[in-house]
Amino acid sequence: MNDRPGSYDIGLIGLAVMGANLARNIERNGFSVAVFNRTTARTEEFIANFGAGRRFLGTKGLQEFVSALSRPRRVILMVQAGAPVDAFMEQLVPLLDPGDILVDAGNSLFHDTVRRQAAMRDTGIRYVGMGVSGGEEGALNGPSIMPGGERGAYESLEPILKRIAAQTEDGPCVSYIGEGGAGHFVKMVHNGIEYGDMQLITEAYDLLRNGFGIPAERLAEVFDEWNRGELKSYLIEITADILNHRDPDGGTLTLDTILDSAGQKGTGRWTVMTALDLSVPIPTITAAVDARFVSALKQERVRAASLLGSHTSEKPTDSGSVIADVRAALYASKVCSYAQGMALLRAADASYGFGLQFEEIARIWKGGCIIRAVFLDEIKAAYQRDGSLPNLLLDPHFRAGVEARLDAWRRVVASAVRLGIAAPAMAASLAYFDAYRRADSAASLIQAQRDYFGAHTYQRTDREGTFHTQWSSG
């Protein structure tokens, strides 16, 4: 390896749209960037499009790429999660030196991040798992950034990350998240909450348009109005835009030309699987993931509709009242979705020793990321009031907000059932709320059944100890 230190502040590998936009963001904020892509043509295209007058260096090989960087070298990987990350590491690590920093900024599973960090320890190379949220626009103009791993590595990256992150009145949307795979874990849960948010908004739209027949033009106005109140968020904002957009070819609503089969990249499923591993209930997020699976069964659903019938609809006698009820139900359901996500973070923190700061997580989600919302100000305030809060539903602000909307929430879920409009995430949120607030449940029957068929024993409410009953004399 050439021992002469290079002059470029940071290197970035992977020039698909997210990587290219992040590189442009870094350079625009005052740092020189060496770039590399497995396909040289893409590197050349990037330099041709964005390199003029800018501090970019396009490199054709990893040796050239590494030699261009100042020490300690800071390298960001923006490649597809999974095997591609391992493949690049296998080529890149032998070219790096102890003290250099390797950052995986893709959507890697946090278990993979922990494994890679362990593999790097003997080399002295510092490995950072960094969640980045905000999509293509966020990568270019300021994402929410969630780095985890060795704190010293973060501190070396911090001057760059603070400049390129989304900026809010509370500061840049980046913070040291915690040890090990904390960064990718928090990004995974962010995405799980995102799944819940998107499904809840979709159910609100579905019920209003297809259940109560309110036209899309009116719903565009409704969502725009909602975006000026307690539901103000990026996802509500873009929903209003979507409901206003007309197809340039035919003038019809663009939304009505899109196949109703939702895709996913796996982070929502990982969230559900991890919650199962940690025994944390997240029914709203689970329902959202399941709803995407059902949406993918397009051919089966078409057949089922012809054999089983479809939903019914009715014209509301008071559309204003219906819209107000759905708004209330969406807010209350959203509280439950966030409550579940934050509860999962707390359980993971206890199990994995991340050292999470929940107030900080809420703060850095306020800008740049997909779930950015005014709602996060209240989540931040909740953890300022009580840093050990086990569930957002126990916070006075959220408790009062949900209780004030409870009757409307029940009316909306009941309407969905009556009309045959599937609202799994709203219904799951309501069931979660009802189950969570119940001091005495019917789970005693489950324990009795388990003891009956498997002698699993049970505890009693009236005295200490473990008990078994001989339930049948047969």
Protein backbone atom coordinates (compact mmCIF):
# COMPACT_ATOMS: atom_id res chain seq x y z
CA MET A 1 0.00 0.00 0.00
CA ASN A 2 1.17 3.54 -0.73
CA ASP A 3 2.14 5.05 2.66
CA ARG A 4 1.65 8.63 1.49
CA PRO A 5 -1.57 9.95 3.02
CA GLY A 6 -4.17 11.13 0.57
CA SER A 7 -6.05 14.38 0.77
CA TYR A 8 -9.74 13.45 0.40
CA ASP A 9 -11.82 13.80 3.55
CA ILE A 10 -14.03 10.77 3.04
CA GLY A 11 -14.72 7.98 0.57
CA LEU A 12 -18.05 6.57 -0.59
CA ILE A 13 -18.62 3.24 -2.30
CA GLY A 14 -21.87 2.63 -4.20
CA LEU A 15 -23.25 5.23 -6.59
CA ALA A 16 -26.86 4.17 -7.02
CA VAL A 17 -29.27 7.03 -6.37
CA MET A 18 -28.97 7.00 -2.56
CA GLY A 19 -25.17 6.78 -2.62
CA ALA A 20 -24.81 9.41 -5.33
CA ASN A 21 -27.09 11.82 -3.50
CA LEU A 22 -25.29 11.28 -0.19
CA ALA A 23 -21.93 11.95 -1.86
CA ARG A 24 -23.31 15.19 -3.33
CA ASN A 25 -24.65 16.18 0.08
CA ILE A 26 -21.26 15.62 1.73
CA GLU A 27 -19.38 17.57 -0.93
CA ARG A 28 -21.87 20.44 -0.92
CA ASN A 29 -21.30 20.80 2.82
CA GLY A 30 -17.60 21.43 2.49
CA PHE A 31 -15.86 18.03 2.31
CA SER A 32 -13.89 16.40 -0.47
CA VAL A 33 -15.16 12.97 -1.53
CA ALA A 34 -13.50 10.07 -3.34
CA VAL A 35 -16.07 7.78 -4.96
CA PHE A 36 -16.00 4.23 -6.29
CA ASN A 37 -18.57 1.97 -7.88
CA ARG A 38 -18.20 -1.65 -8.89
CA THR A 39 -19.28 -0.63 -12.40
CA THR A 40 -16.76 1.92 -13.63
CA ALA A 41 -19.25 3.37 -16.11
CA ARG A 42 -21.44 4.52 -13.23
CA THR A 43 -18.48 6.29 -11.59
CA GLU A 44 -17.70 8.02 -14.87
CA GLU A 45 -21.34 9.02 -15.29
CA PHE A 46 -21.43 10.45 -11.77
CA ILE A 47 -18.30 12.56 -12.35
CA ALA A 48 -19.62 13.71 -15.74
CA ASN A 49 -22.94 14.79 -14.23
CA PHE A 50 -21.84 16.23 -10.91
CA GLY A 51 -18.04 16.60 -10.87
CA ALA A 52 -17.50 19.90 -12.66
CA GLY A 53 -16.10 22.44 -10.22
CA ARG A 54 -16.66 20.06 -7.31
CA ARG A 55 -14.28 18.26 -4.98
CA PHE A 56 -14.97 14.74 -6.19
CA LEU A 57 -12.44 12.13 -7.26
CA GLY A 58 -13.72 9.25 -9.33
CA THR A 59 -11.62 6.12 -8.85
CA LYS A 60 -11.47 2.97 -10.94
CA GLY A 61 -10.10 0.54 -8.36
CA LEU A 62 -10.25 0.04 -4.62
CA GLN A 63 -6.49 0.54 -4.23
CA GLU A 64 -6.73 3.93 -5.92
CA PHE A 65 -9.82 4.73 -3.84
CA VAL A 66 -8.18 3.93 -0.50
CA SER A 67 -4.93 5.73 -1.39
CA ALA A 68 -6.88 8.92 -2.06
CA LEU A 69 -8.16 9.22 1.52
CA SER A 70 -6.65 11.17 4.39
CA ARG A 71 -5.98 9.27 7.63
CA PRO A 72 -7.67 7.91 9.56
CA ARG A 73 -9.53 6.85 6.46
CA ARG A 74 -13.30 7.18 6.59
CA VAL A 75 -15.20 4.99 4.14
CA ILE A 76 -18.97 4.82 3.66
CA LEU A 77 -20.52 1.75 2.05
CA MET A 78 -23.83 2.46 0.29
CA VAL A 79 -24.45 -0.95 -1.24
CA GLN A 80 -27.26 -3.46 -1.02
CA ALA A 81 -27.60 -5.10 2.39
CA GLY A 82 -26.52 -8.69 2.88
CA ALA A 83 -23.95 -10.49 0.77
CA PRO A 84 -22.85 -7.39 -1.22
CA VAL A 85 -21.65 -5.74 2.01
CA ASP A 86 -19.62 -8.80 2.96
CA ALA A 87 -18.20 -9.04 -0.57
CA PHE A 88 -16.98 -5.43 -0.53
CA MET A 89 -15.55 -5.85 2.97
CA GLU A 90 -13.56 -8.87 1.85
CA GLN A 91 -11.88 -6.75 -0.83
CA LEU A 92 -11.63 -3.51 1.12
CA VAL A 93 -10.45 -4.51 4.59
CA PRO A 94 -6.98 -5.75 3.51
CA LEU A 95 -6.35 -2.27 2.06
CA LEU A 96 -7.21 -0.42 5.28
CA ASP A 97 -5.12 0.17 8.40
CA PRO A 98 -5.85 0.02 12.12
CA GLY A 99 -7.78 3.11 13.17
CA ASP A 100 -9.55 3.49 9.83
CA ILE A 101 -13.35 3.67 9.94
CA LEU A 102 -15.69 1.62 7.78
CA VAL A 103 -19.35 2.72 7.78
CA ASP A 104 -22.21 0.54 6.53
CA ALA A 105 -24.94 3.07 5.70
CA GLY A 106 -27.35 0.60 4.11
CA ASN A 107 -30.35 -1.16 5.61
CA SER A 108 -28.37 -4.01 7.13
CA LEU A 109 -29.88 -6.36 9.69
CA PHE A 110 -28.41 -5.41 13.06
CA HIS A 111 -27.27 -9.00 13.73
CA ASP A 112 -25.08 -8.74 10.61
CA THR A 113 -23.65 -5.48 11.92
CA VAL A 114 -22.73 -7.08 15.24
CA ARG A 115 -21.10 -9.99 13.39
CA ARG A 116 -19.05 -7.66 11.20
CA GLN A 117 -17.97 -5.53 14.15
CA ALA A 118 -16.69 -8.65 15.89
CA ALA A 119 -14.79 -9.69 12.77
CA MET A 120 -13.13 -6.25 12.60
CA ARG A 121 -11.84 -6.17 16.18
CA ASP A 122 -8.62 -8.05 15.47
CA THR A 123 -7.84 -5.80 12.50
CA GLY A 124 -8.16 -2.57 14.49
CA ILE A 125 -10.56 -1.21 11.88
CA ARG A 126 -13.53 0.53 13.45
CA TYR A 127 -16.89 -0.60 12.02
CA VAL A 128 -19.97 1.63 12.25
CA GLY A 129 -23.50 0.49 11.45
CA MET A 130 -25.36 3.63 10.43
CA GLY A 131 -29.05 3.91 9.66
CA VAL A 132 -29.95 6.60 7.13
CA SER A 133 -33.57 7.60 6.59
CA GLY A 134 -35.14 10.05 4.22
CA GLY A 135 -35.08 8.36 0.84
CA GLU A 136 -33.44 9.94 -2.19
CA GLU A 137 -34.45 13.48 -1.22
CA GLY A 138 -33.18 13.07 2.32
CA ALA A 139 -29.84 11.69 1.18
CA LEU A 140 -29.35 14.77 -0.98
CA ASN A 141 -30.78 17.50 1.23
CA GLY A 142 -30.44 16.15 4.77
CA PRO A 143 -31.44 12.75 6.17
CA SER A 144 -31.98 11.51 9.70
CA ILE A 145 -28.80 9.63 10.60
CA MET A 146 -28.50 6.86 13.22
CA PRO A 147 -24.87 5.73 13.75
CA GLY A 148 -23.97 2.97 16.19
CA GLY A 149 -20.77 1.24 17.24
CA GLU A 150 -17.63 2.56 18.91
CA ARG A 151 -18.21 6.10 20.21
CA GLY A 152 -14.72 7.20 19.16
CA ALA A 153 -15.45 6.24 15.57
CA TYR A 154 -18.63 8.31 15.67
CA GLU A 155 -16.72 11.30 17.03
CA SER A 156 -14.37 11.14 14.04
CA LEU A 157 -17.37 11.16 11.71
CA GLU A 158 -19.40 13.70 13.68
CA PRO A 159 -18.16 16.91 11.96
CA ILE A 160 -19.32 15.53 8.62
CA LEU A 161 -22.54 13.92 9.83
CA LYS A 162 -23.74 17.03 11.65
CA ARG A 163 -23.30 19.09 8.50
CA ILE A 164 -25.10 16.71 6.15
CA ALA A 165 -28.00 15.72 8.44
CA ALA A 166 -31.41 17.36 8.32
CA GLN A 167 -31.47 20.53 10.40
CA THR A 168 -34.29 21.42 12.83
CA GLU A 169 -34.76 23.99 15.58
CA ASP A 170 -33.50 21.27 17.94
CA GLY A 171 -30.26 20.79 16.00
CA PRO A 172 -28.97 18.39 13.35
CA CYS A 173 -30.85 15.10 13.07
CA VAL A 174 -27.94 12.87 14.01
CA SER A 175 -26.75 11.53 17.31
CA TYR A 176 -24.59 8.71 18.60
CA ILE A 177 -27.17 5.95 19.04
CA GLY A 178 -25.27 3.36 21.07
CA GLU A 179 -23.04 0.32 21.16
CA GLY A 180 -22.91 -2.59 18.75
CA GLY A 181 -25.71 -2.78 16.23
CA ALA A 182 -27.72 0.03 17.86
CA GLY A 183 -27.74 2.26 14.78
CA HIS A 184 -29.17 -0.34 12.45
CA PHE A 185 -31.54 -1.58 15.13
CA VAL A 186 -33.05 1.87 15.64
CA LYS A 187 -33.32 2.34 11.87
CA MET A 188 -35.10 -1.02 11.62
CA VAL A 189 -37.65 0.01 14.25
CA HIS A 190 -38.05 3.37 12.51
CA ASN A 191 -39.00 1.44 9.40
CA GLY A 192 -41.41 -0.73 11.36
CA ILE A 193 -43.17 2.38 12.66
CA GLU A 194 -43.13 3.69 9.09
CA TYR A 195 -44.97 0.54 7.97
CA GLY A 196 -47.57 1.14 10.67
CA ASP A 197 -47.99 4.81 9.74
CA MET A 198 -48.41 4.07 6.05
CA GLN A 199 -50.97 1.32 6.68
CA LEU A 200 -52.99 3.44 9.10
CA ILE A 201 -53.12 6.32 6.61
CA THR A 202 -54.13 3.89 3.86
CA GLU A 203 -56.94 2.50 6.02
CA ALA A 204 -58.21 6.01 6.76
CA TYR A 205 -58.22 6.79 3.03
CA ASP A 206 -59.84 3.44 2.14
CA LEU A 207 -62.66 3.83 4.63
CA LEU A 208 -63.42 7.42 3.64
CA ARG A 209 -63.25 6.87 -0.11
CA ASN A 210 -64.40 3.29 -0.62
CA GLY A 211 -66.54 2.88 2.48
CA PHE A 212 -68.26 6.26 2.60
CA GLY A 213 -67.81 7.34 -1.01
CA ILE A 214 -66.03 10.63 -0.37
CA PRO A 215 -64.31 11.60 -3.65
CA ALA A 216 -60.55 11.76 -3.95
CA GLU A 217 -60.63 15.51 -4.68
CA ARG A 218 -62.30 16.14 -1.34
CA LEU A 219 -59.91 13.76 0.42
CA ALA A 220 -56.93 15.68 -0.96
CA GLU A 221 -58.35 18.72 0.84
CA VAL A 222 -58.96 16.64 3.98
CA PHE A 223 -55.39 15.37 4.16
CA ASP A 224 -54.06 18.84 3.47
CA GLU A 225 -56.14 20.13 6.38
CA TRP A 226 -54.95 17.29 8.62
CA ASN A 227 -51.39 18.28 7.77
CA ARG A 228 -51.92 21.59 9.51
CA GLY A 229 -52.83 20.04 12.86
CA GLU A 230 -51.83 17.26 15.25
CA LEU A 231 -51.32 14.82 12.33
CA LYS A 232 -48.85 17.11 10.52
CA SER A 233 -46.21 14.83 9.02
CA TYR A 234 -44.31 13.99 5.88
CA LEU A 235 -46.53 10.99 5.12
CA ILE A 236 -49.77 12.98 5.51
CA GLU A 237 -48.28 15.73 3.32
CA ILE A 238 -47.35 13.40 0.47
CA THR A 239 -50.73 11.64 0.70
CA ALA A 240 -52.44 14.97 -0.05
CA ASP A 241 -50.10 15.43 -3.03
CA ILE A 242 -50.82 11.92 -4.28
CA LEU A 243 -54.57 12.49 -4.09
CA ASN A 244 -54.17 15.65 -6.17
CA HIS A 245 -52.01 14.13 -8.90
CA ARG A 246 -53.47 13.42 -12.34
CA ASP A 247 -51.97 11.05 -14.90
CA PRO A 248 -50.56 13.16 -17.75
CA ASP A 249 -51.62 10.58 -20.35
CA GLY A 250 -55.27 10.24 -19.45
CA GLY A 251 -56.05 12.88 -16.86
CA THR A 252 -57.33 10.27 -14.42
CA LEU A 253 -56.18 10.16 -10.82
CA THR A 254 -52.68 8.65 -10.96
CA LEU A 255 -53.39 6.67 -7.80
CA ASP A 256 -56.18 4.82 -9.62
CA THR A 257 -53.71 3.56 -12.25
CA ILE A 258 -51.33 1.96 -9.73
CA LEU A 259 -51.55 -1.80 -9.11
CA ASP A 260 -52.65 -2.48 -5.53
CA SER A 261 -49.76 -4.80 -4.66
CA ALA A 262 -47.42 -3.21 -2.12
CA GLY A 263 -43.72 -3.98 -2.11
CA GLN A 264 -41.31 -4.19 0.80
CA LYS A 265 -37.57 -4.56 1.38
CA GLY A 266 -37.65 -6.60 4.58
CA THR A 267 -37.12 -4.13 7.42
CA GLY A 268 -40.75 -4.32 8.55
CA ARG A 269 -40.58 -8.11 8.62
CA TRP A 270 -37.30 -7.92 10.59
CA THR A 271 -39.01 -5.65 13.11
CA VAL A 272 -41.81 -8.17 13.64
CA MET A 273 -39.39 -11.09 13.91
CA THR A 274 -37.25 -9.23 16.43
CA ALA A 275 -40.29 -8.28 18.49
CA LEU A 276 -41.25 -11.97 18.62
CA ASP A 277 -37.71 -12.84 19.75
CA LEU A 278 -37.94 -10.25 22.54
CA SER A 279 -41.58 -11.08 23.45
CA VAL A 280 -42.74 -7.52 22.76
CA PRO A 281 -46.27 -7.05 21.35
CA ILE A 282 -46.32 -4.81 18.26
CA PRO A 283 -49.70 -5.75 16.72
CA THR A 284 -50.13 -2.55 14.69
CA ILE A 285 -46.79 -2.98 12.95
CA THR A 286 -47.43 -6.72 12.51
CA ALA A 287 -50.82 -5.97 10.94
CA ALA A 288 -49.16 -3.51 8.56
CA VAL A 289 -46.62 -6.11 7.44
CA ASP A 290 -49.37 -8.73 7.04
CA ALA A 291 -51.44 -6.27 5.00
CA ARG A 292 -48.59 -5.95 2.51
CA PHE A 293 -48.41 -9.73 2.25
CA VAL A 294 -52.16 -9.86 1.56
CA SER A 295 -51.88 -7.08 -1.02
CA ALA A 296 -49.35 -9.19 -2.92
CA LEU A 297 -51.97 -11.94 -3.38
CA LYS A 298 -53.55 -9.96 -6.23
CA GLN A 299 -54.71 -12.87 -8.39
CA GLU A 300 -56.13 -14.73 -5.41
CA ARG A 301 -57.92 -11.59 -4.22
CA VAL A 302 -59.50 -11.06 -7.63
CA ARG A 303 -60.79 -14.63 -7.58
CA ALA A 304 -61.99 -14.32 -3.99
CA ALA A 305 -63.86 -11.11 -4.80
CA SER A 306 -65.85 -12.92 -7.49
CA LEU A 307 -66.65 -15.85 -5.18
CA LEU A 308 -66.95 -14.22 -1.77
CA GLY A 309 -68.28 -10.81 -2.68
CA SER A 310 -66.76 -7.44 -1.98
CA HIS A 311 -67.26 -4.70 0.58
CA THR A 312 -70.35 -2.55 0.81
CA SER A 313 -70.43 1.23 0.93
CA GLU A 314 -72.80 3.87 2.13
CA LYS A 315 -73.15 7.60 1.83
CA PRO A 316 -72.54 9.26 5.19
CA THR A 317 -75.39 11.33 6.53
CA ASP A 318 -72.80 13.75 7.90
CA SER A 319 -69.50 13.52 6.03
CA GLY A 320 -67.96 16.12 8.33
CA SER A 321 -68.63 13.93 11.35
CA VAL A 322 -67.24 10.85 9.61
CA ILE A 323 -64.07 12.69 8.60
CA ALA A 324 -63.61 13.99 12.15
CA ASP A 325 -64.03 10.48 13.54
CA VAL A 326 -61.46 9.01 11.13
CA ARG A 327 -59.03 11.79 12.00
CA ALA A 328 -59.42 10.97 15.68
CA ALA A 329 -59.03 7.22 15.05
CA LEU A 330 -55.92 7.80 12.97
CA TYR A 331 -54.31 9.85 15.72
CA ALA A 332 -55.12 7.32 18.47
CA SER A 333 -53.94 4.41 16.34
CA LYS A 334 -50.74 6.28 15.52
CA VAL A 335 -50.06 6.73 19.24
CA CYS A 336 -50.31 2.98 19.69
CA SER A 337 -48.01 2.30 16.74
CA TYR A 338 -45.32 4.58 18.16
CA ALA A 339 -45.89 3.20 21.66
CA GLN A 340 -45.19 -0.29 20.35
CA GLY A 341 -42.06 0.80 18.48
CA MET A 342 -40.64 2.66 21.46
CA ALA A 343 -41.45 -0.28 23.76
CA LEU A 344 -39.50 -2.53 21.39
CA LEU A 345 -36.54 -0.14 21.57
CA ARG A 346 -36.66 -0.23 25.37
CA ALA A 347 -36.75 -4.03 25.45
CA ALA A 348 -33.85 -4.26 22.99
CA ASP A 349 -31.86 -1.75 25.02
CA ALA A 350 -32.27 -3.95 28.10
CA SER A 351 -31.37 -7.13 26.20
CA TYR A 352 -28.49 -5.90 24.04
CA GLY A 353 -27.03 -3.12 26.18
CA PHE A 354 -27.19 -0.49 23.44
CA GLY A 355 -27.35 2.51 25.77
CA LEU A 356 -30.23 4.16 23.88
CA GLN A 357 -31.42 7.68 24.68
CA PHE A 358 -35.12 7.73 23.78
CA GLU A 359 -35.47 11.48 23.94
CA GLU A 360 -32.60 11.82 21.45
CA ILE A 361 -34.09 9.22 19.13
CA ALA A 362 -37.35 11.17 19.00
CA ARG A 363 -35.39 14.37 18.36
CA ILE A 364 -33.40 13.07 15.40
CA TRP A 365 -36.55 11.61 13.84
CA LYS A 366 -38.09 15.09 13.71
CA GLY A 367 -36.41 15.94 10.41
CA GLY A 368 -35.18 14.21 7.29
CA CYS A 369 -36.71 10.78 7.90
CA ILE A 370 -39.90 9.27 6.49
CA ILE A 371 -41.79 9.33 9.81
CA ARG A 372 -40.89 12.94 10.59
CA ALA A 373 -43.87 14.58 12.23
CA VAL A 374 -44.91 17.24 14.72
CA PHE A 375 -46.02 14.25 16.78
CA LEU A 376 -42.37 13.57 17.64
CA ASP A 377 -42.12 16.79 19.64
CA GLU A 378 -44.59 15.27 22.10
CA ILE A 379 -42.72 11.97 22.20
CA LYS A 380 -39.53 13.85 23.01
CA ALA A 381 -41.38 15.78 25.74
CA ALA A 382 -42.78 12.53 27.15
CA TYR A 383 -39.28 11.16 27.72
CA GLN A 384 -38.15 14.50 29.14
CA ARG A 385 -40.94 14.16 31.69
CA ASP A 386 -40.08 10.55 32.48
CA GLY A 387 -36.90 9.01 31.11
CA SER A 388 -37.94 5.55 32.34
CA LEU A 389 -41.41 5.67 30.76
CA PRO A 390 -42.25 2.06 29.81
CA ASN A 391 -45.00 2.93 27.32
CA LEU A 392 -46.19 6.15 25.67
CA LEU A 393 -49.79 5.34 26.63
CA LEU A 394 -48.83 6.02 30.24
CA ASP A 395 -47.67 9.57 29.50
CA PRO A 396 -50.26 12.18 30.62
CA HIS A 397 -50.34 13.95 27.23
CA PHE A 398 -50.85 10.82 25.16
CA ARG A 399 -53.19 9.24 27.68
CA ALA A 400 -55.46 12.27 27.55
CA GLY A 401 -55.25 12.47 23.77
CA VAL A 402 -56.28 8.85 23.27
CA GLU A 403 -59.03 8.92 25.88
CA ALA A 404 -60.58 12.01 24.26
CA ARG A 405 -60.75 10.17 20.93
CA LEU A 406 -61.78 6.75 22.19
CA ASP A 407 -65.49 6.89 21.24
CA ALA A 408 -64.67 8.10 17.73
CA TRP A 409 -62.00 5.40 17.41
CA ARG A 410 -64.52 2.70 18.30
CA ARG A 411 -67.06 4.10 15.83
CA VAL A 412 -64.50 4.02 13.03
CA VAL A 413 -63.39 0.43 13.67
CA ALA A 414 -67.04 -0.65 13.97
CA SER A 415 -67.86 1.11 10.68
CA ALA A 416 -65.00 -0.67 8.95
CA VAL A 417 -66.30 -4.03 10.18
CA ARG A 418 -69.87 -3.18 9.16
CA LEU A 419 -68.83 -2.06 5.68
CA GLY A 420 -66.40 -4.93 5.10
CA ILE A 421 -63.44 -2.55 4.71
CA ALA A 422 -60.35 -4.23 6.16
CA ALA A 423 -58.70 -1.98 8.74
CA PRO A 424 -56.31 -4.42 10.42
CA ALA A 425 -53.88 -1.84 11.79
CA MET A 426 -56.57 0.42 13.31
CA ALA A 427 -58.34 -2.60 14.80
CA ALA A 428 -55.05 -3.97 16.13
CA SER A 429 -54.23 -0.60 17.69
CA LEU A 430 -57.57 -0.47 19.45
CA ALA A 431 -57.22 -4.06 20.67
CA TYR A 432 -53.71 -3.25 21.92
CA PHE A 433 -55.03 -0.25 23.84
CA ASP A 434 -57.89 -2.24 25.36
CA ALA A 435 -55.62 -5.12 26.32
CA TYR A 436 -52.87 -2.91 27.73
CA ARG A 437 -55.18 -0.94 30.01
CA ARG A 438 -56.92 -4.00 31.47
CA ALA A 439 -55.76 -4.87 34.98
CA ASP A 440 -57.43 -8.30 34.98
CA SER A 441 -57.67 -10.22 31.72
CA ALA A 442 -59.02 -13.57 30.59
CA ALA A 443 -55.51 -15.00 30.18
CA SER A 444 -56.16 -16.99 33.35
CA LEU A 445 -58.18 -19.36 31.15
CA ILE A 446 -55.15 -19.89 28.89
CA GLN A 447 -53.06 -20.80 31.93
CA ALA A 448 -55.76 -23.22 33.07
CA GLN A 449 -55.88 -24.82 29.64
CA ARG A 450 -52.06 -25.15 29.56
CA ASP A 451 -52.09 -26.75 32.97
CA TYR A 452 -54.96 -29.06 31.96
CA PHE A 453 -53.31 -30.56 28.86
CA GLY A 454 -49.64 -30.15 29.71
CA ALA A 455 -49.30 -29.75 33.48
CA HIS A 456 -47.52 -26.44 32.85
CA THR A 457 -48.61 -25.15 36.30
CA TYR A 458 -49.85 -21.68 37.18
CA GLN A 459 -49.63 -19.02 39.85
CA ARG A 460 -52.54 -17.96 42.05
CA THR A 461 -53.88 -14.51 42.88
CA ASP A 462 -54.51 -15.34 46.52
CA ARG A 463 -51.22 -16.91 47.65
CA GLU A 464 -47.58 -17.37 46.65
CA GLY A 465 -46.20 -20.41 44.91
CA THR A 466 -46.60 -22.55 41.80
CA PHE A 467 -49.64 -24.83 41.47
CA HIS A 468 -51.02 -27.67 39.40
CA THR A 469 -54.57 -28.98 39.39
CA GLN A 470 -55.80 -32.46 38.52
CA TRP A 471 -58.57 -31.12 36.30
CA SER A 472 -60.20 -34.40 35.26
CA SER A 473 -60.94 -37.45 37.30
CA GLY A 474 -60.87 -39.60 34.19
